[in-house]
PDB file of N, CA and C in Angstrom:
ATOM      1  N   UNK A   1       0.650  -1.172  -0.180  1.00  0.00           N
ATOM      2  CA  UNK A   1       0.008  -0.145   0.473  1.00  0.00           C
ATOM      3  C   UNK A   1       1.199   1.280  -0.089  1.00  0.00           C
ATOM      4  N   UNK A   2       0.520   1.954  -0.912  1.00  0.00           N
ATOM      5  CA  UNK A   2       0.983   3.627  -0.933  1.00  0.00           C
ATOM      6  C   UNK A   2       0.927   4.152   0.112  1.00  0.00           C
ATOM      7  N   UNK A   3       1.633   5.148   0.296  1.00  0.00           N
ATOM      8  CA  UNK A   3       1.343   5.830   2.411  1.00  0.00           C
ATOM      9  C   UNK A   3       2.114   7.497   1.775  1.00  0.00           C
ATOM     10  N   UNK A   4       1.223   8.187   1.957  1.00  0.00           N
ATOM     11  CA  UNK A   4       1.369   9.917   2.289  1.00  0.00           C
ATOM     12  C   UNK A   4       2.020  10.114   3.928  1.00  0.00           C
ATOM     13  N   UNK A   5       2.983  10.660   4.114  1.00  0.00           N
ATOM     14  CA  UNK A   5       3.058  11.363   5.519  1.00  0.00           C
ATOM     15  C   UNK A   5       2.798  12.641   5.675  1.00  0.00           C
ATOM     16  N   UNK A   6       2.418  12.865   7.028  1.00  0.00           N
ATOM     17  CA  UNK A   6       1.712  14.293   7.015  1.00  0.00           C
ATOM     18  C   UNK A   6       2.327  15.425   6.876  1.00  0.00           C
ATOM     19  N   UNK A   7       3.974  15.410   6.587  1.00  0.00           N
ATOM     20  CA  UNK A   7       4.637  16.370   6.276  1.00  0.00           C
ATOM     21  C   UNK A   7       4.759  16.628   4.443  1.00  0.00           C
ATOM     22  N   UNK A   8       4.399  14.847   4.199  1.00  0.00           N
ATOM     23  CA  UNK A   8       4.215  15.214   2.646  1.00  0.00           C
ATOM     24  C   UNK A   8       2.588  15.751   2.365  1.00  0.00           C
ATOM     25  N   UNK A   9       1.796  15.594   3.045  1.00  0.00           N
ATOM     26  CA  UNK A   9       0.619  16.160   2.359  1.00  0.00           C
ATOM     27  C   UNK A   9       0.100  17.494   2.887  1.00  0.00           C
ATOM     28  N   UNK A  10       1.092  18.521   3.588  1.00  0.00           N
ATOM     29  CA  UNK A  10       0.986  19.733   3.990  1.00  0.00           C
ATOM     30  C   UNK A  10       2.331  20.463   2.890  1.00  0.00           C
ATOM     31  N   UNK A  11       2.796  19.652   2.377  1.00  0.00           N
ATOM     32  CA  UNK A  11       3.770  20.442   1.311  1.00  0.00           C
ATOM     33  C   UNK A  11       2.623  20.156  -0.054  1.00  0.00           C
ATOM     34  N   UNK A  12       1.994  19.309  -0.208  1.00  0.00           N
ATOM     35  CA  UNK A  12       1.287  19.203  -0.662  1.00  0.00           C
ATOM     36  C   UNK A  12       0.147  20.116  -0.748  1.00  0.00           C
ATOM     37  N   UNK A  13      -0.209  20.343   0.098  1.00  0.00           N
ATOM     38  CA  UNK A  13      -1.116  21.783   0.485  1.00  0.00           C
ATOM     39  C   UNK A  13      -0.948  22.739   0.417  1.00  0.00           C
ATOM     40  N   UNK A  14       0.060  22.935   0.490  1.00  0.00           N
ATOM     41  CA  UNK A  14       1.002  24.472   0.099  1.00  0.00           C
ATOM     42  C   UNK A  14       1.254  24.526  -0.899  1.00  0.00           C
ATOM     43  N   UNK A  15       1.997  23.542  -1.601  1.00  0.00           N
ATOM     44  CA  UNK A  15       2.143  24.015  -3.202  1.00  0.00           C
ATOM     45  C   UNK A  15       1.079  23.648  -4.270  1.00  0.00           C
ATOM     46  N   UNK A  16      -0.523  24.266  -3.385  1.00  0.00           N
ATOM     47  CA  UNK A  16      -1.467  23.301  -4.092  1.00  0.00           C
ATOM     48  C   UNK A  16      -1.239  22.465  -5.305  1.00  0.00           C
ATOM     49  N   UNK A  17      -0.915  21.496  -4.738  1.00  0.00           N
ATOM     50  CA  UNK A  17      -0.700  20.305  -6.199  1.00  0.00           C
ATOM     51  C   UNK A  17      -2.270  19.585  -5.909  1.00  0.00           C
ATOM     52  N   UNK A  18      -2.470  19.279  -7.269  1.00  0.00           N
ATOM     53  CA  UNK A  18      -3.773  18.631  -7.582  1.00  0.00           C
ATOM     54  C   UNK A  18      -3.924  17.327  -7.170  1.00  0.00           C
ATOM     55  N   UNK A  19      -4.370  16.936  -6.091  1.00  0.00           N
ATOM     56  CA  UNK A  19      -5.159  15.899  -5.752  1.00  0.00           C
ATOM     57  C   UNK A  19      -6.295  15.731  -4.832  1.00  0.00           C
ATOM     58  N   UNK A  20      -6.869  15.335  -4.329  1.00  0.00           N
ATOM     59  CA  UNK A  20      -8.550  14.919  -3.695  1.00  0.00           C
ATOM     60  C   UNK A  20      -7.822  14.438  -2.367  1.00  0.00           C
ATOM     61  N   UNK A  21      -8.124  14.937  -1.163  1.00  0.00           N
ATOM     62  CA  UNK A  21      -8.181  14.067   0.055  1.00  0.00           C
ATOM     63  C   UNK A  21      -9.889  13.766   0.626  1.00  0.00           C
ATOM     64  N   UNK A  22      -9.578  12.232   0.684  1.00  0.00           N
ATOM     65  CA  UNK A  22     -11.120  11.664   1.107  1.00  0.00           C
ATOM     66  C   UNK A  22     -10.878  11.670   2.548  1.00  0.00           C
ATOM     67  N   UNK A  23     -11.878  11.944   3.298  1.00  0.00           N
ATOM     68  CA  UNK A  23     -11.220  11.344   5.002  1.00  0.00           C
ATOM     69  C   UNK A  23     -13.095  10.033   5.179  1.00  0.00           C
ATOM     70  N   UNK A  24     -12.536   9.473   5.502  1.00  0.00           N
ATOM     71  CA  UNK A  24     -13.481   8.266   5.868  1.00  0.00           C
ATOM     72  C   UNK A  24     -14.113   7.949   7.371  1.00  0.00           C
ATOM     73  N   UNK A  25     -13.974   8.988   7.987  1.00  0.00           N
ATOM     74  CA  UNK A  25     -14.593   9.092   9.816  1.00  0.00           C
ATOM     75  C   UNK A  25     -15.586   9.153   9.303  1.00  0.00           C
ATOM     76  N   UNK A  26     -16.189   8.875  10.800  1.00  0.00           N
ATOM     77  CA  UNK A  26     -17.835   9.369  10.876  1.00  0.00           C
ATOM     78  C   UNK A  26     -17.647  10.977  11.121  1.00  0.00           C
ATOM     79  N   UNK A  27     -19.174  11.320  10.585  1.00  0.00           N
ATOM     80  CA  UNK A  27     -19.662  12.999  11.195  1.00  0.00           C
ATOM     81  C   UNK A  27     -19.293  13.089  12.988  1.00  0.00           C
ATOM     82  N   UNK A  28     -19.287  12.330  13.280  1.00  0.00           N
ATOM     83  CA  UNK A  28     -19.297  12.934  15.133  1.00  0.00           C
ATOM     84  C   UNK A  28     -17.704  13.342  14.984  1.00  0.00           C
ATOM     85  N   UNK A  29     -16.804  12.342  14.512  1.00  0.00           N
ATOM     86  CA  UNK A  29     -15.518  12.973  14.529  1.00  0.00           C
ATOM     87  C   UNK A  29     -15.248  13.638  13.804  1.00  0.00           C
ATOM     88  N   UNK A  30     -15.803  14.219  12.755  1.00  0.00           N
ATOM     89  CA  UNK A  30     -15.366  15.294  11.384  1.00  0.00           C
ATOM     90  C   UNK A  30     -15.084  16.880  12.699  1.00  0.00           C
ATOM     91  N   UNK A  31     -16.487  16.464  13.382  1.00  0.00           N
ATOM     92  CA  UNK A  31     -17.043  17.519  14.443  1.00  0.00           C
ATOM     93  C   UNK A  31     -15.965  17.767  15.296  1.00  0.00           C
ATOM     94  N   UNK A  32     -15.487  17.107  15.489  1.00  0.00           N
ATOM     95  CA  UNK A  32     -14.226  16.914  16.870  1.00  0.00           C
ATOM     96  C   UNK A  32     -13.133  17.536  16.103  1.00  0.00           C
ATOM     97  N   UNK A  33     -12.580  17.050  15.081  1.00  0.00           N
ATOM     98  CA  UNK A  33     -11.420  17.385  14.399  1.00  0.00           C
ATOM     99  C   UNK A  33     -11.117  17.060  12.602  1.00  0.00           C
ATOM    100  N   UNK A  34     -10.755  17.974  11.943  1.00  0.00           N
ATOM    101  CA  UNK A  34     -10.946  18.120  11.008  1.00  0.00           C
ATOM    102  C   UNK A  34      -9.666  18.615  10.039  1.00  0.00           C
ATOM    103  N   UNK A  35      -8.884  18.405   9.293  1.00  0.00           N
ATOM    104  CA  UNK A  35      -8.064  18.813   7.941  1.00  0.00           C
ATOM    105  C   UNK A  35      -8.644  18.956   6.650  1.00  0.00           C
ATOM    106  N   UNK A  36      -9.947  19.120   6.051  1.00  0.00           N
ATOM    107  CA  UNK A  36     -10.287  18.774   5.174  1.00  0.00           C
ATOM    108  C   UNK A  36     -10.476  18.039   4.296  1.00  0.00           C
ATOM    109  N   UNK A  37     -11.056  18.238   3.313  1.00  0.00           N
ATOM    110  CA  UNK A  37     -11.033  16.760   1.923  1.00  0.00           C
ATOM    111  C   UNK A  37     -12.659  16.753   2.070  1.00  0.00           C
ATOM    112  N   UNK A  38     -13.193  15.538   1.182  1.00  0.00           N
ATOM    113  CA  UNK A  38     -14.036  15.083   0.869  1.00  0.00           C
ATOM    114  C   UNK A  38     -14.672  14.181   1.791  1.00  0.00           C
ATOM    115  N   UNK A  39     -15.913  14.191   3.230  1.00  0.00           N
ATOM    116  CA  UNK A  39     -16.440  13.374   3.538  1.00  0.00           C
ATOM    117  C   UNK A  39     -17.284  12.441   2.990  1.00  0.00           C
ATOM    118  N   UNK A  40     -16.491  11.063   2.865  1.00  0.00           N
ATOM    119  CA  UNK A  40     -17.192   9.600   2.448  1.00  0.00           C
ATOM    120  C   UNK A  40     -17.022   8.715   3.738  1.00  0.00           C
ATOM    121  N   UNK A  41     -17.645   8.524   4.461  1.00  0.00           N
ATOM    122  CA  UNK A  41     -17.519   7.790   5.717  1.00  0.00           C
ATOM    123  C   UNK A  41     -16.986   6.025   5.287  1.00  0.00           C
ATOM    124  N   UNK A  42     -16.421   5.367   5.852  1.00  0.00           N
ATOM    125  CA  UNK A  42     -15.696   4.369   5.618  1.00  0.00           C
ATOM    126  C   UNK A  42     -16.925   3.183   5.265  1.00  0.00           C
ATOM    127  N   UNK A  43     -18.047   3.530   5.631  1.00  0.00           N
ATOM    128  CA  UNK A  43     -19.103   2.349   5.195  1.00  0.00           C
ATOM    129  C   UNK A  43     -19.784   2.512   4.012  1.00  0.00           C
ATOM    130  N   UNK A  44     -19.329   3.737   3.758  1.00  0.00           N
ATOM    131  CA  UNK A  44     -20.195   3.984   2.472  1.00  0.00           C
ATOM    132  C   UNK A  44     -18.869   3.987   0.930  1.00  0.00           C
ATOM    133  N   UNK A  45     -17.463   3.894   1.276  1.00  0.00           N
ATOM    134  CA  UNK A  45     -16.407   4.065   0.228  1.00  0.00           C
ATOM    135  C   UNK A  45     -16.919   2.649  -0.944  1.00  0.00           C
ATOM    136  N   UNK A  46     -17.250   2.042  -0.771  1.00  0.00           N
ATOM    137  CA  UNK A  46     -17.555   1.038  -1.727  1.00  0.00           C
ATOM    138  C   UNK A  46     -18.441   1.668  -2.628  1.00  0.00           C
ATOM    139  N   UNK A  47     -19.450   1.612  -2.281  1.00  0.00           N
ATOM    140  CA  UNK A  47     -20.571   1.973  -2.571  1.00  0.00           C
ATOM    141  C   UNK A  47     -20.511   3.450  -3.929  1.00  0.00           C
ATOM    142  N   UNK A  48     -19.655   3.979  -3.076  1.00  0.00           N
ATOM    143  CA  UNK A  48     -19.194   5.581  -3.834  1.00  0.00           C
ATOM    144  C   UNK A  48     -18.177   5.718  -4.300  1.00  0.00           C
ATOM    145  N   UNK A  49     -17.627   4.676  -4.563  1.00  0.00           N
ATOM    146  CA  UNK A  49     -16.608   4.762  -5.570  1.00  0.00           C
ATOM    147  C   UNK A  49     -16.314   5.589  -6.894  1.00  0.00           C
ATOM    148  N   UNK A  50     -17.290   5.568  -7.463  1.00  0.00           N
ATOM    149  CA  UNK A  50     -17.037   6.608  -8.269  1.00  0.00           C
ATOM    150  C   UNK A  50     -17.252   7.906  -8.098  1.00  0.00           C
ATOM    151  N   UNK A  51     -17.235   8.263  -7.188  1.00  0.00           N
ATOM    152  CA  UNK A  51     -16.666   9.859  -6.744  1.00  0.00           C
ATOM    153  C   UNK A  51     -15.297   9.953  -6.681  1.00  0.00           C
ATOM    154  N   UNK A  52     -14.472   8.816  -6.977  1.00  0.00           N
ATOM    155  CA  UNK A  52     -12.905   8.524  -6.596  1.00  0.00           C
ATOM    156  C   UNK A  52     -12.915   9.046  -8.121  1.00  0.00           C
ATOM    157  N   UNK A  53     -11.383  10.203  -7.929  1.00  0.00           N
ATOM    158  CA  UNK A  53     -10.969   9.934  -9.962  1.00  0.00           C
ATOM    159  C   UNK A  53     -10.114   8.660  -9.409  1.00  0.00           C
ATOM    160  N   UNK A  54      -9.806   8.421 -10.804  1.00  0.00           N
ATOM    161  CA  UNK A  54      -9.039   7.369 -11.095  1.00  0.00           C
ATOM    162  C   UNK A  54      -7.541   8.267 -12.141  1.00  0.00           C
ATOM    163  N   UNK A  55      -7.697   9.839 -12.142  1.00  0.00           N
ATOM    164  CA  UNK A  55      -6.622  10.352 -13.060  1.00  0.00           C
ATOM    165  C   UNK A  55      -5.506  11.163 -12.389  1.00  0.00           C
ATOM    166  N   UNK A  56      -5.837  11.590 -11.020  1.00  0.00           N
ATOM    167  CA  UNK A  56      -4.723  11.718 -10.436  1.00  0.00           C
ATOM    168  C   UNK A  56      -5.026  11.406  -8.713  1.00  0.00           C
ATOM    169  N   UNK A  57      -3.979  11.228  -8.072  1.00  0.00           N
ATOM    170  CA  UNK A  57      -3.870  11.172  -6.844  1.00  0.00           C
ATOM    171  C   UNK A  57      -4.724  11.319  -5.857  1.00  0.00           C
ATOM    172  N   UNK A  58      -5.495  10.352  -5.104  1.00  0.00           N
ATOM    173  CA  UNK A  58      -6.323  10.406  -4.100  1.00  0.00           C
ATOM    174  C   UNK A  58      -5.742  10.004  -2.668  1.00  0.00           C
ATOM    175  N   UNK A  59      -5.988  10.732  -2.121  1.00  0.00           N
ATOM    176  CA  UNK A  59      -5.161  10.500  -0.126  1.00  0.00           C
ATOM    177  C   UNK A  59      -6.469  10.081   0.402  1.00  0.00           C
ATOM    178  N   UNK A  60      -6.270   9.143   1.032  1.00  0.00           N
ATOM    179  CA  UNK A  60      -7.352   9.034   2.508  1.00  0.00           C
ATOM    180  C   UNK A  60      -6.758   8.785   3.525  1.00  0.00           C
ATOM    181  N   UNK A  61      -7.594   9.750   4.132  1.00  0.00           N
ATOM    182  CA  UNK A  61      -7.115   9.564   5.938  1.00  0.00           C
ATOM    183  C   UNK A  61      -8.644   9.117   6.815  1.00  0.00           C
ATOM    184  N   UNK A  62      -8.011   9.393   8.223  1.00  0.00           N
ATOM    185  CA  UNK A  62      -8.893   8.868   9.178  1.00  0.00           C
ATOM    186  C   UNK A  62      -8.123   9.047  10.724  1.00  0.00           C
ATOM    187  N   UNK A  63      -8.867   8.604  11.433  1.00  0.00           N
ATOM    188  CA  UNK A  63      -8.100   8.924  12.679  1.00  0.00           C
ATOM    189  C   UNK A  63      -6.830   8.700  13.095  1.00  0.00           C
ATOM    190  N   UNK A  64      -6.370   7.513  12.602  1.00  0.00           N
ATOM    191  CA  UNK A  64      -4.802   7.025  12.809  1.00  0.00           C
ATOM    192  C   UNK A  64      -4.030   6.401  11.958  1.00  0.00           C
ATOM    193  N   UNK A  65      -5.101   6.150  10.413  1.00  0.00           N
ATOM    194  CA  UNK A  65      -4.343   5.273   9.276  1.00  0.00           C
ATOM    195  C   UNK A  65      -4.877   4.156   8.814  1.00  0.00           C
ATOM    196  N   UNK A  66      -5.812   3.468   9.862  1.00  0.00           N
ATOM    197  CA  UNK A  66      -6.065   1.849  10.105  1.00  0.00           C
ATOM    198  C   UNK A  66      -7.495   2.219   9.084  1.00  0.00           C
ATOM    199  N   UNK A  67      -8.422   2.574   9.629  1.00  0.00           N
ATOM    200  CA  UNK A  67      -9.579   2.799   8.562  1.00  0.00           C
ATOM    201  C   UNK A  67      -9.347   2.701   7.117  1.00  0.00           C
ATOM    202  N   UNK A  68      -8.505   4.048   6.901  1.00  0.00           N
ATOM    203  CA  UNK A  68      -8.211   4.516   5.782  1.00  0.00           C
ATOM    204  C   UNK A  68      -7.733   3.302   4.932  1.00  0.00           C
ATOM    205  N   UNK A  69      -6.081   3.042   5.490  1.00  0.00           N
ATOM    206  CA  UNK A  69      -5.586   2.277   5.191  1.00  0.00           C
ATOM    207  C   UNK A  69      -6.237   0.450   4.583  1.00  0.00           C
ATOM    208  N   UNK A  70      -7.784   0.332   5.238  1.00  0.00           N
ATOM    209  CA  UNK A  70      -8.791  -0.419   4.945  1.00  0.00           C
ATOM    210  C   UNK A  70      -9.356  -0.122   3.758  1.00  0.00           C
ATOM    211  N   UNK A  71      -9.507   0.815   3.298  1.00  0.00           N
ATOM    212  CA  UNK A  71     -10.042   1.789   2.687  1.00  0.00           C
ATOM    213  C   UNK A  71      -9.508   1.758   1.348  1.00  0.00           C
ATOM    214  N   UNK A  72      -8.705   2.044   1.565  1.00  0.00           N
ATOM    215  CA  UNK A  72      -7.211   1.832   0.110  1.00  0.00           C
ATOM    216  C   UNK A  72      -6.942   0.329  -0.519  1.00  0.00           C
ATOM    217  N   UNK A  73      -7.178  -0.546   0.567  1.00  0.00           N
ATOM    218  CA  UNK A  73      -6.799  -1.901   0.296  1.00  0.00           C
ATOM    219  C   UNK A  73      -7.934  -2.266  -0.501  1.00  0.00           C
ATOM    220  N   UNK A  74      -9.502  -2.404   0.057  1.00  0.00           N
ATOM    221  CA  UNK A  74     -10.177  -2.746  -0.477  1.00  0.00           C
ATOM    222  C   UNK A  74     -10.458  -2.496  -1.944  1.00  0.00           C
ATOM    223  N   UNK A  75     -10.727  -0.927  -2.129  1.00  0.00           N
ATOM    224  CA  UNK A  75     -10.312  -0.298  -3.830  1.00  0.00           C
ATOM    225  C   UNK A  75      -9.814  -0.587  -4.222  1.00  0.00           C
ATOM    226  N   UNK A  76      -8.434  -0.966  -3.915  1.00  0.00           N
ATOM    227  CA  UNK A  76      -7.549  -1.383  -4.866  1.00  0.00           C
ATOM    228  C   UNK A  76      -7.494  -3.338  -5.364  1.00  0.00           C
ATOM    229  N   UNK A  77      -7.956  -3.558  -4.300  1.00  0.00           N
ATOM    230  CA  UNK A  77      -7.986  -5.424  -4.361  1.00  0.00           C
ATOM    231  C   UNK A  77      -9.212  -5.435  -5.288  1.00  0.00           C
ATOM    232  N   UNK A  78     -10.269  -4.597  -5.188  1.00  0.00           N
ATOM    233  CA  UNK A  78     -11.881  -5.004  -5.513  1.00  0.00           C
ATOM    234  C   UNK A  78     -11.947  -4.134  -6.913  1.00  0.00           C
ATOM    235  N   UNK A  79     -11.328  -2.912  -7.239  1.00  0.00           N
ATOM    236  CA  UNK A  79     -11.617  -2.148  -8.094  1.00  0.00           C
ATOM    237  C   UNK A  79     -10.765  -1.590  -9.295  1.00  0.00           C
ATOM    238  N   UNK A  80      -9.165  -1.958  -9.167  1.00  0.00           N
ATOM    239  CA  UNK A  80      -8.225  -1.754  -9.754  1.00  0.00           C
ATOM    240  C   UNK A  80      -7.884  -0.432  -9.541  1.00  0.00           C
ATOM    241  N   UNK A  81      -7.829  -0.031  -8.021  1.00  0.00           N
ATOM    242  CA  UNK A  81      -7.219   1.527  -8.181  1.00  0.00           C
ATOM    243  C   UNK A  81      -6.014   1.380  -7.924  1.00  0.00           C
ATOM    244  N   UNK A  82      -5.183   2.352  -8.331  1.00  0.00           N
ATOM    245  CA  UNK A  82      -3.804   2.504  -7.946  1.00  0.00           C
ATOM    246  C   UNK A  82      -2.924   3.534  -7.708  1.00  0.00           C
ATOM    247  N   UNK A  83      -4.213   4.606  -8.052  1.00  0.00           N
ATOM    248  CA  UNK A  83      -3.892   6.352  -7.380  1.00  0.00           C
ATOM    249  C   UNK A  83      -3.976   6.391  -5.923  1.00  0.00           C
ATOM    250  N   UNK A  84      -4.312   5.772  -5.186  1.00  0.00           N
ATOM    251  CA  UNK A  84      -4.426   5.635  -3.583  1.00  0.00           C
ATOM    252  C   UNK A  84      -3.694   6.083  -2.893  1.00  0.00           C
ATOM    253  N   UNK A  85      -3.600   6.616  -2.109  1.00  0.00           N
ATOM    254  CA  UNK A  85      -2.426   6.896  -0.460  1.00  0.00           C
ATOM    255  C   UNK A  85      -2.993   6.719   0.481  1.00  0.00           C
ATOM    256  N   UNK A  86      -2.659   6.055   1.458  1.00  0.00           N
ATOM    257  CA  UNK A  86      -3.476   6.200   2.773  1.00  0.00           C
ATOM    258  C   UNK A  86      -2.078   7.191   3.440  1.00  0.00           C
ATOM    259  N   UNK A  87      -3.054   8.153   4.513  1.00  0.00           N
ATOM    260  CA  UNK A  87      -2.242   8.805   4.959  1.00  0.00           C
ATOM    261  C   UNK A  87      -1.793   8.390   6.286  1.00  0.00           C
ATOM    262  N   UNK A  88      -0.456   7.758   6.733  1.00  0.00           N
ATOM    263  CA  UNK A  88       0.262   7.765   7.762  1.00  0.00           C
ATOM    264  C   UNK A  88      -0.312   8.448   8.305  1.00  0.00           C
ATOM    265  N   UNK A  89      -0.856   7.167   9.961  1.00  0.00           N
ATOM    266  CA  UNK A  89      -0.853   8.316  11.108  1.00  0.00           C
ATOM    267  C   UNK A  89      -2.267   8.821  11.232  1.00  0.00           C
ATOM    268  N   UNK A  90      -2.756   9.711  10.342  1.00  0.00           N
ATOM    269  CA  UNK A  90      -4.083  10.245  10.104  1.00  0.00           C
ATOM    270  C   UNK A  90      -4.229  11.552  10.841  1.00  0.00           C
ATOM    271  N   UNK A  91      -5.148  11.954  11.509  1.00  0.00           N
ATOM    272  CA  UNK A  91      -5.199  13.307  12.158  1.00  0.00           C
ATOM    273  C   UNK A  91      -4.191  13.181  13.390  1.00  0.00           C
ATOM    274  N   UNK A  92      -4.196  12.030  14.015  1.00  0.00           N
ATOM    275  CA  UNK A  92      -3.333  11.724  15.469  1.00  0.00           C
ATOM    276  C   UNK A  92      -2.210  12.348  14.743  1.00  0.00           C
ATOM    277  N   UNK A  93      -1.239  11.730  13.713  1.00  0.00           N
ATOM    278  CA  UNK A  93      -0.062  12.301  13.378  1.00  0.00           C
ATOM    279  C   UNK A  93       0.078  13.768  12.833  1.00  0.00           C
ATOM    280  N   UNK A  94      -1.634  14.156  12.530  1.00  0.00           N
ATOM    281  CA  UNK A  94      -1.341  15.627  11.872  1.00  0.00           C
ATOM    282  C   UNK A  94      -1.785  16.495  13.054  1.00  0.00           C
ATOM    283  N   UNK A  95      -2.297  16.384  14.059  1.00  0.00           N
ATOM    284  CA  UNK A  95      -2.191  17.149  15.323  1.00  0.00           C
ATOM    285  C   UNK A  95      -0.848  17.354  15.818  1.00  0.00           C
ATOM    286  N   UNK A  96      -0.144  15.792  15.866  1.00  0.00           N
ATOM    287  CA  UNK A  96       1.423  15.752  16.489  1.00  0.00           C
ATOM    288  C   UNK A  96       2.720  16.629  15.669  1.00  0.00           C
ATOM    289  N   UNK A  97       2.329  16.467  14.784  1.00  0.00           N
ATOM    290  CA  UNK A  97       3.581  16.586  13.717  1.00  0.00           C
ATOM    291  C   UNK A  97       3.070  18.130  12.734  1.00  0.00           C
ATOM    292  N   UNK A  98       1.776  18.475  12.363  1.00  0.00           N
ATOM    293  CA  UNK A  98       1.927  19.470  11.655  1.00  0.00           C
ATOM    294  C   UNK A  98       1.107  20.979  12.351  1.00  0.00           C
ATOM    295  N   UNK A  99       0.242  20.405  13.222  1.00  0.00           N
ATOM    296  CA  UNK A  99      -0.936  21.483  13.204  1.00  0.00           C
ATOM    297  C   UNK A  99      -1.456  20.967  15.226  1.00  0.00           C
ATOM    298  N   UNK A 100      -1.071  21.750  16.235  1.00  0.00           N
ATOM    299  CA  UNK A 100      -1.430  21.085  17.188  1.00  0.00           C
ATOM    300  C   UNK A 100      -2.834  21.826  17.952  1.00  0.00           C
ATOM    301  N   UNK A 101      -3.432  22.655  17.173  1.00  0.00           N
ATOM    302  CA  UNK A 101      -4.539  23.174  17.461  1.00  0.00           C
ATOM    303  C   UNK A 101      -5.837  22.448  17.026  1.00  0.00           C
ATOM    304  N   UNK A 102      -5.403  21.346  15.853  1.00  0.00           N
ATOM    305  CA  UNK A 102      -6.179  20.086  15.742  1.00  0.00           C
ATOM    306  C   UNK A 102      -6.468  19.029  16.754  1.00  0.00           C
ATOM    307  N   UNK A 103      -7.418  18.942  17.058  1.00  0.00           N
ATOM    308  CA  UNK A 103      -7.565  18.063  18.283  1.00  0.00           C
ATOM    309  C   UNK A 103      -6.930  16.648  18.278  1.00  0.00           C
ATOM    310  N   UNK A 104      -6.635  16.249  18.722  1.00  0.00           N
ATOM    311  CA  UNK A 104      -6.039  14.569  18.724  1.00  0.00           C
ATOM    312  C   UNK A 104      -6.747  13.922  19.979  1.00  0.00           C
ATOM    313  N   UNK A 105      -7.983  13.664  19.354  1.00  0.00           N
ATOM    314  CA  UNK A 105      -9.139  12.817  20.219  1.00  0.00           C
ATOM    315  C   UNK A 105      -8.992  11.289  20.265  1.00  0.00           C
TER     316      UNK A 105
END
């Protein structure tokens, strides 16, 4: 599975690179802490896979990287995506390494 660190994601954001950020957490989690992106809960990601681009990088994140990793593996294994990246450490890493104003819940 391909991964992106929070430092790499921050650099992509700062450089206005063309990618899609997907948040697979539940709504109540986003209300506590968020770093942007399109909200597609993990339980809906397979059915909503048509919303994901196959033409540009798609970075998927969650709280710690576990659920987003599961999403990447399911989409790659079952639907042939080859442009997906898991955000290593998720929101917890973002809070610890990039922006401590984002709560680590």
